[in-house]
């Protein structure tokens, strides 16, 4: 089964609330087999909407990434990000 990448592009509008999201989201992602490959580091915006925080995590499968997103632990963390950020999030299957 191919692995999958969870890719988020984020503009944080409330750093304190978003910090609470990050504190809960990291463990939830790890519980579902997610491993961070990039998390807010340097980047160059070449096209599209510029969002200063970019996160990439690898999961064992697309299904594992979606299960993580839908999990009670992640949803509890996500409640802190709502209203504290503008986000685009996708999961894309890697080429095997």
N, C-alpha and C. Protein backbone atom coordinates (compact mmCIF):
# COMPACT_ATOMS: atom_id res chain seq x y z
N UNK A 1 0.85 -1.18 0.00
CA UNK A 1 0.00 0.00 0.00
C UNK A 1 0.89 1.24 0.00
N UNK A 2 0.63 2.21 -0.87
CA UNK A 2 1.45 3.42 -0.93
C UNK A 2 1.29 4.29 0.32
N UNK A 3 2.35 4.96 0.69
CA UNK A 3 2.27 5.95 1.76
C UNK A 3 1.56 7.19 1.23
N UNK A 4 1.24 8.09 2.15
CA UNK A 4 0.52 9.31 1.77
C UNK A 4 1.11 10.51 2.49
N UNK A 5 1.01 11.65 1.86
CA UNK A 5 1.49 12.90 2.45
C UNK A 5 0.31 13.78 2.85
N UNK A 6 0.37 14.25 4.06
CA UNK A 6 -0.60 15.22 4.61
C UNK A 6 0.08 16.56 4.41
N UNK A 7 -0.51 17.45 3.64
CA UNK A 7 0.10 18.72 3.28
C UNK A 7 -0.81 19.85 3.72
N UNK A 8 -0.30 20.71 4.58
CA UNK A 8 -1.08 21.84 5.08
C UNK A 8 -0.35 23.14 4.78
N UNK A 9 -1.12 24.12 4.35
CA UNK A 9 -0.63 25.48 4.13
C UNK A 9 -1.47 26.37 5.05
N UNK A 10 -0.81 27.10 5.94
CA UNK A 10 -1.52 27.76 7.03
C UNK A 10 -1.08 29.21 7.18
N UNK A 11 -2.05 30.07 7.42
CA UNK A 11 -1.80 31.45 7.85
C UNK A 11 -2.38 31.56 9.26
N UNK A 12 -1.52 31.74 10.24
CA UNK A 12 -1.94 31.80 11.64
C UNK A 12 -2.40 33.22 11.97
N UNK A 13 -3.60 33.33 12.54
CA UNK A 13 -4.14 34.63 12.94
C UNK A 13 -4.18 34.80 14.46
N UNK A 14 -4.06 33.71 15.20
CA UNK A 14 -4.02 33.76 16.67
C UNK A 14 -2.99 32.73 17.12
N UNK A 15 -1.78 33.20 17.39
CA UNK A 15 -0.65 32.31 17.69
C UNK A 15 -0.88 31.50 18.96
N UNK A 16 -1.49 32.08 19.96
CA UNK A 16 -1.71 31.36 21.22
C UNK A 16 -2.67 30.18 21.02
N UNK A 17 -3.79 30.42 20.37
CA UNK A 17 -4.75 29.34 20.10
C UNK A 17 -4.15 28.31 19.16
N UNK A 18 -3.40 28.77 18.17
CA UNK A 18 -2.80 27.82 17.23
C UNK A 18 -1.74 26.97 17.92
N UNK A 19 -1.07 27.52 18.90
CA UNK A 19 -0.12 26.75 19.69
C UNK A 19 -0.80 25.60 20.43
N UNK A 20 -2.01 25.84 20.92
CA UNK A 20 -2.77 24.77 21.57
C UNK A 20 -3.14 23.70 20.55
N UNK A 21 -3.48 24.12 19.33
CA UNK A 21 -3.76 23.14 18.27
C UNK A 21 -2.52 22.28 18.02
N UNK A 22 -1.37 22.92 17.84
CA UNK A 22 -0.14 22.19 17.51
C UNK A 22 0.23 21.22 18.63
N UNK A 23 0.02 21.62 19.88
CA UNK A 23 0.36 20.76 21.01
C UNK A 23 -0.48 19.48 21.01
N UNK A 24 -1.72 19.56 20.56
CA UNK A 24 -2.57 18.38 20.50
C UNK A 24 -2.47 17.62 19.20
N UNK A 25 -2.23 18.34 18.12
CA UNK A 25 -2.20 17.70 16.80
C UNK A 25 -0.98 16.80 16.63
N UNK A 26 0.17 17.22 17.13
CA UNK A 26 1.39 16.43 16.97
C UNK A 26 1.25 15.01 17.51
N UNK A 27 0.82 14.86 18.77
CA UNK A 27 0.63 13.51 19.30
C UNK A 27 -0.44 12.70 18.55
N UNK A 28 -1.51 13.36 18.12
CA UNK A 28 -2.56 12.65 17.37
C UNK A 28 -2.01 12.13 16.05
N UNK A 29 -1.21 12.95 15.38
CA UNK A 29 -0.61 12.54 14.12
C UNK A 29 0.35 11.37 14.34
N UNK A 30 1.16 11.44 15.38
CA UNK A 30 2.10 10.35 15.68
C UNK A 30 1.36 9.06 16.01
N UNK A 31 0.26 9.15 16.74
CA UNK A 31 -0.53 7.97 17.10
C UNK A 31 -1.01 7.23 15.87
N UNK A 32 -1.26 7.95 14.79
CA UNK A 32 -1.76 7.35 13.56
C UNK A 32 -0.65 7.04 12.56
N UNK A 33 0.59 7.04 13.03
CA UNK A 33 1.71 6.67 12.18
C UNK A 33 2.29 7.80 11.38
N UNK A 34 1.86 9.03 11.63
CA UNK A 34 2.37 10.18 10.90
C UNK A 34 3.74 10.61 11.39
N UNK A 35 4.60 10.99 10.45
CA UNK A 35 5.95 11.47 10.75
C UNK A 35 6.13 12.79 10.02
N UNK A 36 6.52 13.84 10.75
CA UNK A 36 6.69 15.14 10.13
C UNK A 36 7.93 15.16 9.25
N UNK A 37 7.77 15.67 8.03
CA UNK A 37 8.88 15.87 7.09
C UNK A 37 9.25 17.35 7.01
N UNK A 38 8.26 18.21 7.18
CA UNK A 38 8.47 19.66 7.19
C UNK A 38 7.43 20.25 8.13
N UNK A 39 7.87 21.25 8.88
CA UNK A 39 6.96 21.84 9.86
C UNK A 39 7.34 23.28 10.10
N UNK A 40 6.86 24.16 9.22
CA UNK A 40 7.08 25.58 9.41
C UNK A 40 8.46 26.09 9.08
N UNK A 41 9.24 25.35 8.32
CA UNK A 41 10.60 25.79 7.99
C UNK A 41 10.63 26.78 6.83
N UNK A 42 11.82 26.99 6.33
CA UNK A 42 12.02 27.91 5.20
C UNK A 42 11.28 27.40 3.98
N UNK A 43 10.83 28.33 3.15
CA UNK A 43 10.14 27.97 1.92
C UNK A 43 10.25 29.13 0.93
N UNK A 44 9.95 28.86 -0.31
CA UNK A 44 9.87 29.88 -1.35
C UNK A 44 8.53 29.70 -2.03
N UNK A 45 7.69 30.73 -2.02
CA UNK A 45 6.39 30.68 -2.68
C UNK A 45 6.58 31.02 -4.15
N UNK A 46 6.31 30.08 -5.02
CA UNK A 46 6.49 30.30 -6.45
C UNK A 46 5.19 30.60 -7.17
N UNK A 47 4.09 30.02 -6.70
CA UNK A 47 2.78 30.27 -7.30
C UNK A 47 1.71 30.14 -6.23
N UNK A 48 0.54 30.68 -6.51
CA UNK A 48 -0.60 30.48 -5.62
C UNK A 48 -0.57 31.36 -4.38
N UNK A 49 -1.41 30.98 -3.43
CA UNK A 49 -1.56 31.74 -2.19
C UNK A 49 -0.41 31.50 -1.23
N UNK A 50 0.16 32.57 -0.73
CA UNK A 50 1.27 32.48 0.22
C UNK A 50 0.71 32.28 1.62
N UNK A 51 1.11 31.19 2.23
CA UNK A 51 0.77 30.91 3.62
C UNK A 51 2.08 30.59 4.32
N UNK A 52 2.42 31.32 5.35
CA UNK A 52 3.76 31.27 5.94
C UNK A 52 4.08 29.96 6.65
N UNK A 53 3.08 29.20 7.05
CA UNK A 53 3.36 27.93 7.75
C UNK A 53 2.97 26.79 6.83
N UNK A 54 3.93 25.94 6.54
CA UNK A 54 3.72 24.79 5.66
C UNK A 54 4.14 23.54 6.40
N UNK A 55 3.28 22.53 6.38
CA UNK A 55 3.53 21.30 7.13
C UNK A 55 3.32 20.11 6.21
N UNK A 56 4.26 19.17 6.24
CA UNK A 56 4.14 17.93 5.49
C UNK A 56 4.42 16.78 6.45
N UNK A 57 3.50 15.82 6.48
CA UNK A 57 3.70 14.62 7.30
C UNK A 57 3.44 13.40 6.41
N UNK A 58 4.22 12.36 6.63
CA UNK A 58 4.04 11.11 5.88
C UNK A 58 3.28 10.13 6.77
N UNK A 59 2.27 9.48 6.18
CA UNK A 59 1.48 8.46 6.87
C UNK A 59 1.66 7.14 6.15
N UNK A 60 1.40 6.03 6.84
CA UNK A 60 1.54 4.71 6.22
C UNK A 60 0.61 4.52 5.02
N UNK A 61 -0.51 5.25 4.99
CA UNK A 61 -1.47 5.12 3.88
C UNK A 61 -2.37 6.35 3.87
N UNK A 62 -3.07 6.54 2.78
CA UNK A 62 -4.06 7.61 2.68
C UNK A 62 -5.14 7.39 3.73
N UNK A 63 -5.53 6.13 3.91
CA UNK A 63 -6.57 5.82 4.88
C UNK A 63 -6.15 6.16 6.30
N UNK A 64 -4.89 5.92 6.64
CA UNK A 64 -4.38 6.26 7.97
C UNK A 64 -4.41 7.77 8.20
N UNK A 65 -4.06 8.54 7.18
CA UNK A 65 -4.08 10.00 7.29
C UNK A 65 -5.50 10.52 7.49
N UNK A 66 -6.45 9.98 6.74
CA UNK A 66 -7.84 10.40 6.86
C UNK A 66 -8.40 9.97 8.22
N UNK A 67 -8.03 8.78 8.67
CA UNK A 67 -8.47 8.31 9.99
C UNK A 67 -7.93 9.23 11.09
N UNK A 68 -6.71 9.69 10.93
CA UNK A 68 -6.13 10.64 11.88
C UNK A 68 -6.97 11.91 11.92
N UNK A 69 -7.24 12.46 10.76
CA UNK A 69 -8.02 13.70 10.69
C UNK A 69 -9.37 13.54 11.38
N UNK A 70 -10.01 12.41 11.19
CA UNK A 70 -11.34 12.18 11.74
C UNK A 70 -11.33 11.69 13.18
N UNK A 71 -10.16 11.43 13.74
CA UNK A 71 -10.07 10.89 15.10
C UNK A 71 -10.52 11.93 16.13
N UNK A 72 -11.07 11.46 17.25
CA UNK A 72 -11.46 12.39 18.32
C UNK A 72 -10.29 13.23 18.82
N UNK A 73 -9.09 12.65 18.89
CA UNK A 73 -7.92 13.38 19.38
C UNK A 73 -7.56 14.55 18.46
N UNK A 74 -7.55 14.27 17.16
CA UNK A 74 -7.20 15.34 16.22
C UNK A 74 -8.31 16.39 16.16
N UNK A 75 -9.55 15.96 16.16
CA UNK A 75 -10.65 16.91 16.11
C UNK A 75 -10.66 17.83 17.34
N UNK A 76 -10.28 17.29 18.51
CA UNK A 76 -10.18 18.13 19.71
C UNK A 76 -9.10 19.19 19.52
N UNK A 77 -7.97 18.80 18.95
CA UNK A 77 -6.90 19.77 18.68
C UNK A 77 -7.35 20.78 17.63
N UNK A 78 -8.00 20.29 16.59
CA UNK A 78 -8.43 21.15 15.48
C UNK A 78 -9.38 22.25 15.94
N UNK A 79 -10.14 22.00 16.99
CA UNK A 79 -11.05 23.03 17.51
C UNK A 79 -10.29 24.30 17.87
N UNK A 80 -9.03 24.18 18.27
CA UNK A 80 -8.22 25.36 18.61
C UNK A 80 -7.75 26.11 17.36
N UNK A 81 -7.62 25.42 16.24
CA UNK A 81 -7.15 26.06 15.01
C UNK A 81 -8.26 26.83 14.31
N UNK A 82 -9.49 26.38 14.49
CA UNK A 82 -10.62 27.05 13.85
C UNK A 82 -10.78 28.43 14.46
N UNK A 83 -10.81 29.44 13.62
CA UNK A 83 -10.86 30.81 14.09
C UNK A 83 -9.49 31.37 14.44
N UNK A 84 -8.47 30.53 14.43
CA UNK A 84 -7.11 30.98 14.75
C UNK A 84 -6.20 30.88 13.55
N UNK A 85 -6.75 30.46 12.40
CA UNK A 85 -5.92 30.27 11.21
C UNK A 85 -6.79 30.15 9.97
N UNK A 86 -6.15 30.39 8.83
CA UNK A 86 -6.71 30.07 7.51
C UNK A 86 -5.87 28.92 7.01
N UNK A 87 -6.53 27.81 6.64
CA UNK A 87 -5.78 26.59 6.33
C UNK A 87 -6.28 25.95 5.05
N UNK A 88 -5.36 25.37 4.34
CA UNK A 88 -5.65 24.43 3.26
C UNK A 88 -4.98 23.14 3.67
N UNK A 89 -5.71 22.03 3.61
CA UNK A 89 -5.17 20.74 4.01
C UNK A 89 -5.59 19.70 2.99
N UNK A 90 -4.63 18.90 2.57
CA UNK A 90 -4.93 17.80 1.65
C UNK A 90 -4.10 16.61 2.03
N UNK A 91 -4.56 15.44 1.59
CA UNK A 91 -3.78 14.22 1.71
C UNK A 91 -3.62 13.68 0.29
N UNK A 92 -2.38 13.37 -0.08
CA UNK A 92 -2.10 12.88 -1.42
C UNK A 92 -1.28 11.61 -1.32
N UNK A 93 -1.70 10.61 -2.07
CA UNK A 93 -1.00 9.33 -2.07
C UNK A 93 0.31 9.47 -2.83
N UNK A 94 1.37 8.89 -2.26
CA UNK A 94 2.68 8.93 -2.92
C UNK A 94 2.75 7.87 -4.01
N UNK A 95 3.63 8.09 -4.94
CA UNK A 95 3.88 7.10 -5.99
C UNK A 95 4.65 5.96 -5.37
N UNK A 96 4.19 4.74 -5.59
CA UNK A 96 4.78 3.57 -4.94
C UNK A 96 6.07 3.11 -5.48
